[in-house]
Amino acid sequence: VAVGYLATRWGGAIAGSLPAAPVGVFLGGLLLAALANVFARFVHRPGAVVREPGILLLVPGSVGFRSVSFLLERDTTLSMDTGLLLITLLVSLVAGLMFGDLLVSPRRSL
């Protein structure tokens, strides 16, 4: 979980000025999914034991809250800009999780 969070911070610092840049969230999701599958293979437990708490740290809930907050303050341009950032972060998180599963295949297929 900590590796996914630190990868997000590191990737965000390298990729741009935002603390949660989409590249950082992608890297965090990629490492999180890959390490969860490695955990599942060696410990013979479900990878979700590691993956789910890590996703909780990577989901951009504060960005969504800020988007709604800007909308309630009647600042629609900033609200739409923040909402677009939210969608970009969510898509990059899902893409990172999918590519992490491609990098290290799960223990078994469902």
PDB file of N, CA and C in Angstrom:
ATOM      1  N   VAL A   1       0.840  -1.186   0.000  1.00  0.00           N
ATOM      2  CA  VAL A   1       0.000   0.000   0.000  1.00  0.00           C
ATOM      3  C   VAL A   1       0.880   1.243   0.000  1.00  0.00           C
ATOM      4  N   ALA A   2       1.911   1.219   0.830  1.00  0.00           N
ATOM      5  CA  ALA A   2       2.810   2.373   0.910  1.00  0.00           C
ATOM      6  C   ALA A   2       3.585   2.567  -0.385  1.00  0.00           C
ATOM      7  N   VAL A   3       3.933   1.475  -1.059  1.00  0.00           N
ATOM      8  CA  VAL A   3       4.670   1.586  -2.314  1.00  0.00           C
ATOM      9  C   VAL A   3       3.804   2.259  -3.380  1.00  0.00           C
ATOM     10  N   GLY A   4       2.522   1.910  -3.441  1.00  0.00           N
ATOM     11  CA  GLY A   4       1.613   2.555  -4.388  1.00  0.00           C
ATOM     12  C   GLY A   4       1.467   4.040  -4.115  1.00  0.00           C
ATOM     13  N   TYR A   5       1.369   4.402  -2.850  1.00  0.00           N
ATOM     14  CA  TYR A   5       1.242   5.814  -2.490  1.00  0.00           C
ATOM     15  C   TYR A   5       2.524   6.573  -2.817  1.00  0.00           C
ATOM     16  N   LEU A   6       3.670   5.996  -2.475  1.00  0.00           N
ATOM     17  CA  LEU A   6       4.938   6.669  -2.745  1.00  0.00           C
ATOM     18  C   LEU A   6       5.211   6.775  -4.238  1.00  0.00           C
ATOM     19  N   ALA A   7       4.804   5.765  -5.016  1.00  0.00           N
ATOM     20  CA  ALA A   7       4.953   5.839  -6.468  1.00  0.00           C
ATOM     21  C   ALA A   7       4.079   6.943  -7.050  1.00  0.00           C
ATOM     22  N   THR A   8       2.908   7.134  -6.482  1.00  0.00           N
ATOM     23  CA  THR A   8       2.039   8.211  -6.938  1.00  0.00           C
ATOM     24  C   THR A   8       2.664   9.566  -6.646  1.00  0.00           C
ATOM     25  N   ARG A   9       3.196   9.732  -5.455  1.00  0.00           N
ATOM     26  CA  ARG A   9       3.852  11.001  -5.102  1.00  0.00           C
ATOM     27  C   ARG A   9       5.086  11.252  -5.968  1.00  0.00           C
ATOM     28  N   TRP A  10       5.892  10.207  -6.185  1.00  0.00           N
ATOM     29  CA  TRP A  10       7.102  10.332  -6.979  1.00  0.00           C
ATOM     30  C   TRP A  10       6.767  10.636  -8.441  1.00  0.00           C
ATOM     31  N   GLY A  11       5.814   9.908  -9.010  1.00  0.00           N
ATOM     32  CA  GLY A  11       5.417  10.144 -10.394  1.00  0.00           C
ATOM     33  C   GLY A  11       4.768  11.499 -10.586  1.00  0.00           C
ATOM     34  N   GLY A  12       4.006  11.946  -9.584  1.00  0.00           N
ATOM     35  CA  GLY A  12       3.404  13.267  -9.659  1.00  0.00           C
ATOM     36  C   GLY A  12       4.438  14.373  -9.584  1.00  0.00           C
ATOM     37  N   ALA A  13       5.478  14.171  -8.789  1.00  0.00           N
ATOM     38  CA  ALA A  13       6.534  15.185  -8.674  1.00  0.00           C
ATOM     39  C   ALA A  13       7.357  15.260  -9.952  1.00  0.00           C
ATOM     40  N   ILE A  14       7.557  14.135 -10.598  1.00  0.00           N
ATOM     41  CA  ILE A  14       8.349  14.129 -11.831  1.00  0.00           C
ATOM     42  C   ILE A  14       7.535  14.665 -13.007  1.00  0.00           C
ATOM     43  N   ALA A  15       6.269  14.270 -13.100  1.00  0.00           N
ATOM     44  CA  ALA A  15       5.473  14.549 -14.296  1.00  0.00           C
ATOM     45  C   ALA A  15       4.942  15.980 -14.373  1.00  0.00           C
ATOM     46  N   GLY A  16       4.651  16.609 -13.256  1.00  0.00           N
ATOM     47  CA  GLY A  16       4.061  17.930 -13.364  1.00  0.00           C
ATOM     48  C   GLY A  16       4.010  18.651 -12.042  1.00  0.00           C
ATOM     49  N   SER A  17       3.378  19.806 -12.076  1.00  0.00           N
ATOM     50  CA  SER A  17       3.307  20.628 -10.880  1.00  0.00           C
ATOM     51  C   SER A  17       2.215  20.180  -9.913  1.00  0.00           C
ATOM     52  N   LEU A  18       1.223  19.437 -10.408  1.00  0.00           N
ATOM     53  CA  LEU A  18       0.158  18.959  -9.526  1.00  0.00           C
ATOM     54  C   LEU A  18       0.677  17.842  -8.631  1.00  0.00           C
ATOM     55  N   PRO A  19       0.256  17.771  -7.371  1.00  0.00           N
ATOM     56  CA  PRO A  19       0.732  16.695  -6.506  1.00  0.00           C
ATOM     57  C   PRO A  19       0.181  15.324  -6.898  1.00  0.00           C
ATOM     58  N   ALA A  20      -0.936  15.283  -7.593  1.00  0.00           N
ATOM     59  CA  ALA A  20      -1.521  13.999  -7.999  1.00  0.00           C
ATOM     60  C   ALA A  20      -1.686  13.988  -9.513  1.00  0.00           C
ATOM     61  N   ALA A  21      -0.591  14.126 -10.225  1.00  0.00           N
ATOM     62  CA  ALA A  21      -0.646  14.121 -11.686  1.00  0.00           C
ATOM     63  C   ALA A  21      -1.100  12.751 -12.179  1.00  0.00           C
ATOM     64  N   PRO A  22      -1.776  12.705 -13.314  1.00  0.00           N
ATOM     65  CA  PRO A  22      -2.265  11.419 -13.827  1.00  0.00           C
ATOM     66  C   PRO A  22      -1.161  10.387 -14.056  1.00  0.00           C
ATOM     67  N   VAL A  23       0.023  10.830 -14.395  1.00  0.00           N
ATOM     68  CA  VAL A  23       1.121   9.881 -14.585  1.00  0.00           C
ATOM     69  C   VAL A  23       1.474   9.212 -13.260  1.00  0.00           C
ATOM     70  N   GLY A  24       1.467   9.967 -12.190  1.00  0.00           N
ATOM     71  CA  GLY A  24       1.756   9.406 -10.876  1.00  0.00           C
ATOM     72  C   GLY A  24       0.701   8.416 -10.433  1.00  0.00           C
ATOM     73  N   VAL A  25      -0.558   8.721 -10.690  1.00  0.00           N
ATOM     74  CA  VAL A  25      -1.639   7.804 -10.320  1.00  0.00           C
ATOM     75  C   VAL A  25      -1.544   6.534 -11.161  1.00  0.00           C
ATOM     76  N   PHE A  26      -1.169   6.676 -12.440  1.00  0.00           N
ATOM     77  CA  PHE A  26      -0.985   5.504 -13.287  1.00  0.00           C
ATOM     78  C   PHE A  26       0.138   4.620 -12.741  1.00  0.00           C
ATOM     79  N   LEU A  27       1.271   5.222 -12.380  1.00  0.00           N
ATOM     80  CA  LEU A  27       2.384   4.444 -11.835  1.00  0.00           C
ATOM     81  C   LEU A  27       2.019   3.780 -10.508  1.00  0.00           C
ATOM     82  N   GLY A  28       1.288   4.502  -9.671  1.00  0.00           N
ATOM     83  CA  GLY A  28       0.855   3.927  -8.402  1.00  0.00           C
ATOM     84  C   GLY A  28      -0.063   2.736  -8.608  1.00  0.00           C
ATOM     85  N   GLY A  29      -1.016   2.851  -9.519  1.00  0.00           N
ATOM     86  CA  GLY A  29      -1.912   1.736  -9.816  1.00  0.00           C
ATOM     87  C   GLY A  29      -1.189   0.564 -10.441  1.00  0.00           C
ATOM     88  N   LEU A  30      -0.217   0.857 -11.308  1.00  0.00           N
ATOM     89  CA  LEU A  30       0.564  -0.194 -11.944  1.00  0.00           C
ATOM     90  C   LEU A  30       1.355  -0.988 -10.915  1.00  0.00           C
ATOM     91  N   LEU A  31       2.073  -0.296 -10.042  1.00  0.00           N
ATOM     92  CA  LEU A  31       2.853  -0.988  -9.023  1.00  0.00           C
ATOM     93  C   LEU A  31       1.964  -1.703  -8.015  1.00  0.00           C
ATOM     94  N   LEU A  32       0.852  -1.089  -7.674  1.00  0.00           N
ATOM     95  CA  LEU A  32      -0.061  -1.694  -6.713  1.00  0.00           C
ATOM     96  C   LEU A  32      -0.623  -3.013  -7.245  1.00  0.00           C
ATOM     97  N   ALA A  33      -1.074  -3.021  -8.487  1.00  0.00           N
ATOM     98  CA  ALA A  33      -1.641  -4.247  -9.059  1.00  0.00           C
ATOM     99  C   ALA A  33      -0.570  -5.322  -9.233  1.00  0.00           C
ATOM    100  N   ALA A  34       0.608  -4.920  -9.692  1.00  0.00           N
ATOM    101  CA  ALA A  34       1.672  -5.897  -9.896  1.00  0.00           C
ATOM    102  C   ALA A  34       2.121  -6.502  -8.564  1.00  0.00           C
ATOM    103  N   LEU A  35       2.318  -5.671  -7.553  1.00  0.00           N
ATOM    104  CA  LEU A  35       2.756  -6.184  -6.261  1.00  0.00           C
ATOM    105  C   LEU A  35       1.663  -6.994  -5.565  1.00  0.00           C
ATOM    106  N   ALA A  36       0.396  -6.661  -5.797  1.00  0.00           N
ATOM    107  CA  ALA A  36      -0.689  -7.453  -5.228  1.00  0.00           C
ATOM    108  C   ALA A  36      -0.724  -8.842  -5.856  1.00  0.00           C
ATOM    109  N   ASN A  37      -0.431  -8.928  -7.148  1.00  0.00           N
ATOM    110  CA  ASN A  37      -0.394 -10.239  -7.801  1.00  0.00           C
ATOM    111  C   ASN A  37       0.821 -11.044  -7.355  1.00  0.00           C
ATOM    112  N   VAL A  38       1.950 -10.375  -7.116  1.00  0.00           N
ATOM    113  CA  VAL A  38       3.127 -11.074  -6.580  1.00  0.00           C
ATOM    114  C   VAL A  38       2.818 -11.592  -5.179  1.00  0.00           C
ATOM    115  N   PHE A  39       2.151 -10.772  -4.362  1.00  0.00           N
ATOM    116  CA  PHE A  39       1.732 -11.190  -3.027  1.00  0.00           C
ATOM    117  C   PHE A  39       0.823 -12.422  -3.100  1.00  0.00           C
ATOM    118  N   ALA A  40      -0.126 -12.398  -4.029  1.00  0.00           N
ATOM    119  CA  ALA A  40      -1.070 -13.510  -4.165  1.00  0.00           C
ATOM    120  C   ALA A  40      -0.360 -14.798  -4.573  1.00  0.00           C
ATOM    121  N   ARG A  41       0.654 -14.685  -5.403  1.00  0.00           N
ATOM    122  CA  ARG A  41       1.374 -15.886  -5.847  1.00  0.00           C
ATOM    123  C   ARG A  41       2.211 -16.502  -4.737  1.00  0.00           C
ATOM    124  N   PHE A  42       2.891 -15.669  -3.956  1.00  0.00           N
ATOM    125  CA  PHE A  42       3.812 -16.213  -2.959  1.00  0.00           C
ATOM    126  C   PHE A  42       3.139 -16.595  -1.645  1.00  0.00           C
ATOM    127  N   VAL A  43       2.106 -15.872  -1.240  1.00  0.00           N
ATOM    128  CA  VAL A  43       1.473 -16.111   0.049  1.00  0.00           C
ATOM    129  C   VAL A  43       0.247 -17.025  -0.091  1.00  0.00           C
ATOM    130  N   HIS A  44      -0.205 -17.228  -1.326  1.00  0.00           N
ATOM    131  CA  HIS A  44      -1.393 -18.047  -1.606  1.00  0.00           C
ATOM    132  C   HIS A  44      -2.638 -17.489  -0.925  1.00  0.00           C
ATOM    133  N   ARG A  45      -2.769 -16.185  -0.964  1.00  0.00           N
ATOM    134  CA  ARG A  45      -3.946 -15.459  -0.492  1.00  0.00           C
ATOM    135  C   ARG A  45      -4.440 -14.578  -1.640  1.00  0.00           C
ATOM    136  N   PRO A  46      -5.669 -14.113  -1.567  1.00  0.00           N
ATOM    137  CA  PRO A  46      -6.162 -13.234  -2.638  1.00  0.00           C
ATOM    138  C   PRO A  46      -5.363 -11.929  -2.714  1.00  0.00           C
ATOM    139  N   GLY A  47      -5.123 -11.470  -3.928  1.00  0.00           N
ATOM    140  CA  GLY A  47      -4.411 -10.215  -4.126  1.00  0.00           C
ATOM    141  C   GLY A  47      -5.204  -9.007  -3.673  1.00  0.00           C
ATOM    142  N   ALA A  48      -6.510  -9.174  -3.525  1.00  0.00           N
ATOM    143  CA  ALA A  48      -7.359  -8.070  -3.077  1.00  0.00           C
ATOM    144  C   ALA A  48      -7.038  -7.639  -1.648  1.00  0.00           C
ATOM    145  N   VAL A  49      -6.384  -8.508  -0.884  1.00  0.00           N
ATOM    146  CA  VAL A  49      -6.006  -8.164   0.485  1.00  0.00           C
ATOM    147  C   VAL A  49      -5.062  -6.964   0.484  1.00  0.00           C
ATOM    148  N   VAL A  50      -4.226  -6.866  -0.536  1.00  0.00           N
ATOM    149  CA  VAL A  50      -3.295  -5.750  -0.656  1.00  0.00           C
ATOM    150  C   VAL A  50      -3.848  -4.674  -1.578  1.00  0.00           C
ATOM    151  N   ARG A  51      -4.540  -5.082  -2.639  1.00  0.00           N
ATOM    152  CA  ARG A  51      -4.990  -4.152  -3.664  1.00  0.00           C
ATOM    153  C   ARG A  51      -6.061  -3.183  -3.161  1.00  0.00           C
ATOM    154  N   GLU A  52      -7.023  -3.657  -2.411  1.00  0.00           N
ATOM    155  CA  GLU A  52      -8.146  -2.806  -2.012  1.00  0.00           C
ATOM    156  C   GLU A  52      -7.741  -1.659  -1.075  1.00  0.00           C
ATOM    157  N   PRO A  53      -6.953  -1.889  -0.031  1.00  0.00           N
ATOM    158  CA  PRO A  53      -6.522  -0.724   0.775  1.00  0.00           C
ATOM    159  C   PRO A  53      -5.667   0.251  -0.019  1.00  0.00           C
ATOM    160  N   GLY A  54      -4.920  -0.254  -0.978  1.00  0.00           N
ATOM    161  CA  GLY A  54      -4.113   0.642  -1.805  1.00  0.00           C
ATOM    162  C   GLY A  54      -4.958   1.510  -2.709  1.00  0.00           C
ATOM    163  N   ILE A  55      -6.027   0.935  -3.241  1.00  0.00           N
ATOM    164  CA  ILE A  55      -6.922   1.717  -4.097  1.00  0.00           C
ATOM    165  C   ILE A  55      -7.586   2.825  -3.291  1.00  0.00           C
ATOM    166  N   LEU A  56      -7.895   2.550  -2.036  1.00  0.00           N
ATOM    167  CA  LEU A  56      -8.507   3.580  -1.193  1.00  0.00           C
ATOM    168  C   LEU A  56      -7.611   4.811  -1.064  1.00  0.00           C
ATOM    169  N   LEU A  57      -6.298   4.598  -1.051  1.00  0.00           N
ATOM    170  CA  LEU A  57      -5.386   5.733  -0.966  1.00  0.00           C
ATOM    171  C   LEU A  57      -5.228   6.461  -2.293  1.00  0.00           C
ATOM    172  N   LEU A  58      -5.450   5.773  -3.400  1.00  0.00           N
ATOM    173  CA  LEU A  58      -5.213   6.369  -4.707  1.00  0.00           C
ATOM    174  C   LEU A  58      -6.444   7.013  -5.334  1.00  0.00           C
ATOM    175  N   VAL A  59      -7.632   6.696  -4.850  1.00  0.00           N
ATOM    176  CA  VAL A  59      -8.854   7.267  -5.423  1.00  0.00           C
ATOM    177  C   VAL A  59      -8.898   8.768  -5.120  1.00  0.00           C
ATOM    178  N   PRO A  60      -9.106   9.586  -6.145  1.00  0.00           N
ATOM    179  CA  PRO A  60      -9.055  11.043  -5.968  1.00  0.00           C
ATOM    180  C   PRO A  60     -10.366  11.628  -5.442  1.00  0.00           C
ATOM    181  N   GLY A  61     -10.749  11.264  -4.243  1.00  0.00           N
ATOM    182  CA  GLY A  61     -11.998  11.770  -3.672  1.00  0.00           C
ATOM    183  C   GLY A  61     -11.958  13.250  -3.370  1.00  0.00           C
ATOM    184  N   SER A  62     -10.808  13.754  -2.965  1.00  0.00           N
ATOM    185  CA  SER A  62     -10.709  15.175  -2.633  1.00  0.00           C
ATOM    186  C   SER A  62     -10.858  16.046  -3.875  1.00  0.00           C
ATOM    187  N   VAL A  63     -10.431  15.534  -5.028  1.00  0.00           N
ATOM    188  CA  VAL A  63     -10.588  16.294  -6.269  1.00  0.00           C
ATOM    189  C   VAL A  63     -12.067  16.393  -6.633  1.00  0.00           C
ATOM    190  N   GLY A  64     -12.812  15.316  -6.449  1.00  0.00           N
ATOM    191  CA  GLY A  64     -14.248  15.361  -6.689  1.00  0.00           C
ATOM    192  C   GLY A  64     -14.968  16.295  -5.735  1.00  0.00           C
ATOM    193  N   PHE A  65     -14.535  16.291  -4.480  1.00  0.00           N
ATOM    194  CA  PHE A  65     -15.134  17.204  -3.507  1.00  0.00           C
ATOM    195  C   PHE A  65     -14.859  18.659  -3.883  1.00  0.00           C
ATOM    196  N   ARG A  66     -13.639  18.939  -4.321  1.00  0.00           N
ATOM    197  CA  ARG A  66     -13.316  20.313  -4.733  1.00  0.00           C
ATOM    198  C   ARG A  66     -14.121  20.730  -5.951  1.00  0.00           C
ATOM    199  N   SER A  67     -14.355  19.782  -6.882  1.00  0.00           N
ATOM    200  CA  SER A  67     -15.136  20.092  -8.065  1.00  0.00           C
ATOM    201  C   SER A  67     -16.569  20.481  -7.697  1.00  0.00           C
ATOM    202  N   VAL A  68     -17.179  19.711  -6.807  1.00  0.00           N
ATOM    203  CA  VAL A  68     -18.544  20.026  -6.363  1.00  0.00           C
ATOM    204  C   VAL A  68     -18.550  21.324  -5.554  1.00  0.00           C
ATOM    205  N   SER A  69     -17.524  21.538  -4.757  1.00  0.00           N
ATOM    206  CA  SER A  69     -17.434  22.762  -3.964  1.00  0.00           C
ATOM    207  C   SER A  69     -17.342  23.997  -4.864  1.00  0.00           C
ATOM    208  N   PHE A  70     -16.540  23.906  -5.924  1.00  0.00           N
ATOM    209  CA  PHE A  70     -16.448  25.032  -6.864  1.00  0.00           C
ATOM    210  C   PHE A  70     -17.768  25.256  -7.579  1.00  0.00           C
ATOM    211  N   LEU A  71     -18.484  24.180  -7.869  1.00  0.00           N
ATOM    212  CA  LEU A  71     -19.784  24.320  -8.524  1.00  0.00           C
ATOM    213  C   LEU A  71     -20.795  25.003  -7.606  1.00  0.00           C
ATOM    214  N   LEU A  72     -20.757  24.657  -6.320  1.00  0.00           N
ATOM    215  CA  LEU A  72     -21.680  25.298  -5.375  1.00  0.00           C
ATOM    216  C   LEU A  72     -21.315  26.762  -5.118  1.00  0.00           C
ATOM    217  N   GLU A  73     -20.058  27.110  -5.343  1.00  0.00           N
ATOM    218  CA  GLU A  73     -19.633  28.508  -5.223  1.00  0.00           C
ATOM    219  C   GLU A  73     -19.886  29.290  -6.505  1.00  0.00           C
ATOM    220  N   ARG A  74     -20.506  28.656  -7.493  1.00  0.00           N
ATOM    221  CA  ARG A  74     -20.860  29.228  -8.782  1.00  0.00           C
ATOM    222  C   ARG A  74     -19.643  29.593  -9.629  1.00  0.00           C
ATOM    223  N   ASP A  75     -18.582  28.862  -9.454  1.00  0.00           N
ATOM    224  CA  ASP A  75     -17.397  29.017 -10.294  1.00  0.00           C
ATOM    225  C   ASP A  75     -17.364  27.827 -11.249  1.00  0.00           C
ATOM    226  N   THR A  76     -18.166  27.939 -12.322  1.00  0.00           N
ATOM    227  CA  THR A  76     -18.375  26.779 -13.183  1.00  0.00           C
ATOM    228  C   THR A  76     -17.145  26.409 -13.997  1.00  0.00           C
ATOM    229  N   THR A  77     -16.359  27.385 -14.420  1.00  0.00           N
ATOM    230  CA  THR A  77     -15.187  27.042 -15.234  1.00  0.00           C
ATOM    231  C   THR A  77     -14.162  26.261 -14.417  1.00  0.00           C
ATOM    232  N   LEU A  78     -13.920  26.689 -13.190  1.00  0.00           N
ATOM    233  CA  LEU A  78     -12.983  25.967 -12.333  1.00  0.00           C
ATOM    234  C   LEU A  78     -13.554  24.610 -11.927  1.00  0.00           C
ATOM    235  N   SER A  79     -14.874  24.542 -11.756  1.00  0.00           N
ATOM    236  CA  SER A  79     -15.519  23.279 -11.422  1.00  0.00           C
ATOM    237  C   SER A  79     -15.392  22.280 -12.566  1.00  0.00           C
ATOM    238  N   MET A  80     -15.599  22.715 -13.784  1.00  0.00           N
ATOM    239  CA  MET A  80     -15.477  21.818 -14.935  1.00  0.00           C
ATOM    240  C   MET A  80     -14.025  21.399 -15.145  1.00  0.00           C
ATOM    241  N   ASP A  81     -13.104  22.305 -14.918  1.00  0.00           N
ATOM    242  CA  ASP A  81     -11.691  21.978 -15.043  1.00  0.00           C
ATOM    243  C   ASP A  81     -11.284  20.931 -14.012  1.00  0.00           C
ATOM    244  N   THR A  82     -11.744  21.091 -12.779  1.00  0.00           N
ATOM    245  CA  THR A  82     -11.441  20.129 -11.728  1.00  0.00           C
ATOM    246  C   THR A  82     -12.160  18.806 -11.980  1.00  0.00           C
ATOM    247  N   GLY A  83     -13.363  18.854 -12.521  1.00  0.00           N
ATOM    248  CA  GLY A  83     -14.087  17.629 -12.867  1.00  0.00           C
ATOM    249  C   GLY A  83     -13.388  16.849 -13.974  1.00  0.00           C
ATOM    250  N   LEU A  84     -12.829  17.562 -14.942  1.00  0.00           N
ATOM    251  CA  LEU A  84     -12.072  16.896 -15.997  1.00  0.00           C
ATOM    252  C   LEU A  84     -10.803  16.259 -15.442  1.00  0.00           C
ATOM    253  N   LEU A  85     -10.164  16.932 -14.484  1.00  0.00           N
ATOM    254  CA  LEU A  85      -9.003  16.342 -13.816  1.00  0.00           C
ATOM    255  C   LEU A  85      -9.407  15.078 -13.057  1.00  0.00           C
ATOM    256  N   LEU A  86     -10.566  15.097 -12.428  1.00  0.00           N
ATOM    257  CA  LEU A  86     -11.065  13.924 -11.711  1.00  0.00           C
ATOM    258  C   LEU A  86     -11.252  12.745 -12.656  1.00  0.00           C
ATOM    259  N   ILE A  87     -11.865  12.980 -13.787  1.00  0.00           N
ATOM    260  CA  ILE A  87     -12.082  11.901 -14.754  1.00  0.00           C
ATOM    261  C   ILE A  87     -10.750  11.386 -15.282  1.00  0.00           C
ATOM    262  N   THR A  88      -9.814  12.284 -15.532  1.00  0.00           N
ATOM    263  CA  THR A  88      -8.492  11.873 -16.007  1.00  0.00           C
ATOM    264  C   THR A  88      -7.777  11.020 -14.970  1.00  0.00           C
ATOM    265  N   LEU A  89      -7.860  11.403 -13.702  1.00  0.00           N
ATOM    266  CA  LEU A  89      -7.224  10.631 -12.641  1.00  0.00           C
ATOM    267  C   LEU A  89      -7.861   9.255 -12.489  1.00  0.00           C
ATOM    268  N   LEU A  90      -9.178   9.181 -12.595  1.00  0.00           N
ATOM    269  CA  LEU A  90      -9.853   7.888 -12.477  1.00  0.00           C
ATOM    270  C   LEU A  90      -9.504   6.959 -13.635  1.00  0.00           C
ATOM    271  N   VAL A  91      -9.443   7.504 -14.841  1.00  0.00           N
ATOM    272  CA  VAL A  91      -9.090   6.687 -16.004  1.00  0.00           C
ATOM    273  C   VAL A  91      -7.649   6.209 -15.892  1.00  0.00           C
ATOM    274  N   SER A  92      -6.749   7.071 -15.426  1.00  0.00           N
ATOM    275  CA  SER A  92      -5.358   6.644 -15.290  1.00  0.00           C
ATOM    276  C   SER A  92      -5.193   5.607 -14.179  1.00  0.00           C
ATOM    277  N   LEU A  93      -5.996   5.685 -13.119  1.00  0.00           N
ATOM    278  CA  LEU A  93      -5.940   4.670 -12.065  1.00  0.00           C
ATOM    279  C   LEU A  93      -6.396   3.310 -12.591  1.00  0.00           C
ATOM    280  N   VAL A  94      -7.493   3.291 -13.313  1.00  0.00           N
ATOM    281  CA  VAL A  94      -7.997   2.033 -13.870  1.00  0.00           C
ATOM    282  C   VAL A  94      -7.012   1.472 -14.896  1.00  0.00           C
ATOM    283  N   ALA A  95      -6.436   2.344 -15.721  1.00  0.00           N
ATOM    284  CA  ALA A  95      -5.448   1.881 -16.699  1.00  0.00           C
ATOM    285  C   ALA A  95      -4.219   1.312 -16.001  1.00  0.00           C
ATOM    286  N   GLY A  96      -3.771   1.959 -14.930  1.00  0.00           N
ATOM    287  CA  GLY A  96      -2.631   1.439 -14.179  1.00  0.00           C
ATOM    288  C   GLY A  96      -2.916   0.077 -13.574  1.00  0.00           C
ATOM    289  N   LEU A  97      -4.113  -0.110 -13.031  1.00  0.00           N
ATOM    290  CA  LEU A  97      -4.480  -1.404 -12.469  1.00  0.00           C
ATOM    291  C   LEU A  97      -4.538  -2.488 -13.549  1.00  0.00           C
ATOM    292  N   MET A  98      -5.051  -2.131 -14.719  1.00  0.00           N
ATOM    293  CA  MET A  98      -5.139  -3.114 -15.801  1.00  0.00           C
ATOM    294  C   MET A  98      -3.756  -3.481 -16.335  1.00  0.00           C
ATOM    295  N   PHE A  99      -2.891  -2.492 -16.504  1.00  0.00           N
ATOM    296  CA  PHE A  99      -1.542  -2.781 -16.979  1.00  0.00           C
ATOM    297  C   PHE A  99      -0.725  -3.518 -15.925  1.00  0.00           C
ATOM    298  N   GLY A 100      -1.002  -3.278 -14.653  1.00  0.00           N
ATOM    299  CA  GLY A 100      -0.336  -4.036 -13.597  1.00  0.00           C
ATOM    300  C   GLY A 100      -0.715  -5.503 -13.635  1.00  0.00           C
ATOM    301  N   ASP A 101      -1.974  -5.781 -13.969  1.00  0.00           N
ATOM    302  CA  ASP A 101      -2.398  -7.172 -14.123  1.00  0.00           C
ATOM    303  C   ASP A 101      -1.775  -7.814 -15.353  1.00  0.00           C
ATOM    304  N   LEU A 102      -1.459  -7.011 -16.370  1.00  0.00           N
ATOM    305  CA  LEU A 102      -0.767  -7.544 -17.535  1.00  0.00           C
ATOM    306  C   LEU A 102       0.711  -7.788 -17.245  1.00  0.00           C
ATOM    307  N   LEU A 103       1.279  -6.951 -16.400  1.00  0.00           N
ATOM    308  CA  LEU A 103       2.700  -7.067 -16.074  1.00  0.00           C
ATOM    309  C   LEU A 103       2.968  -8.341 -15.283  1.00  0.00           C
ATOM    310  N   VAL A 104       2.181  -8.581 -14.243  1.00  0.00           N
ATOM    311  CA  VAL A 104       2.258  -9.811 -13.438  1.00  0.00           C
ATOM    312  C   VAL A 104       0.859 -10.398 -13.432  1.00  0.00           C
ATOM    313  N   SER A 105       0.699 -11.545 -14.072  1.00  0.00           N
ATOM    314  CA  SER A 105      -0.636 -12.125 -14.183  1.00  0.00           C
ATOM    315  C   SER A 105      -1.132 -12.583 -12.822  1.00  0.00           C
ATOM    316  N   PRO A 106      -2.449 -12.556 -12.620  1.00  0.00           N
ATOM    317  CA  PRO A 106      -2.995 -13.015 -11.343  1.00  0.00           C
ATOM    318  C   PRO A 106      -2.692 -14.484 -11.085  1.00  0.00           C
ATOM    319  N   ARG A 107      -2.885 -14.894  -9.847  1.00  0.00           N
ATOM    320  CA  ARG A 107      -2.572 -16.257  -9.421  1.00  0.00           C
ATOM    321  C   ARG A 107      -3.334 -17.291 -10.222  1.00  0.00           C
ATOM    322  N   ARG A 108      -4.598 -17.025 -10.463  1.00  0.00           N
ATOM    323  CA  ARG A 108      -5.432 -17.929 -11.235  1.00  0.00           C
ATOM    324  C   ARG A 108      -6.516 -17.115 -11.920  1.00  0.00           C
ATOM    325  N   SER A 109      -7.070 -17.666 -12.967  1.00  0.00           N
ATOM    326  CA  SER A 109      -8.133 -16.958 -13.666  1.00  0.00           C
ATOM    327  C   SER A 109      -9.459 -17.239 -12.972  1.00  0.00           C
ATOM    328  N   LEU A 110     -10.356 -16.291 -13.071  1.00  0.00           N
ATOM    329  CA  LEU A 110     -11.666 -16.474 -12.472  1.00  0.00           C
ATOM    330  C   LEU A 110     -12.523 -17.107 -13.507  1.00  0.00           C
TER     331      LEU A 110
END
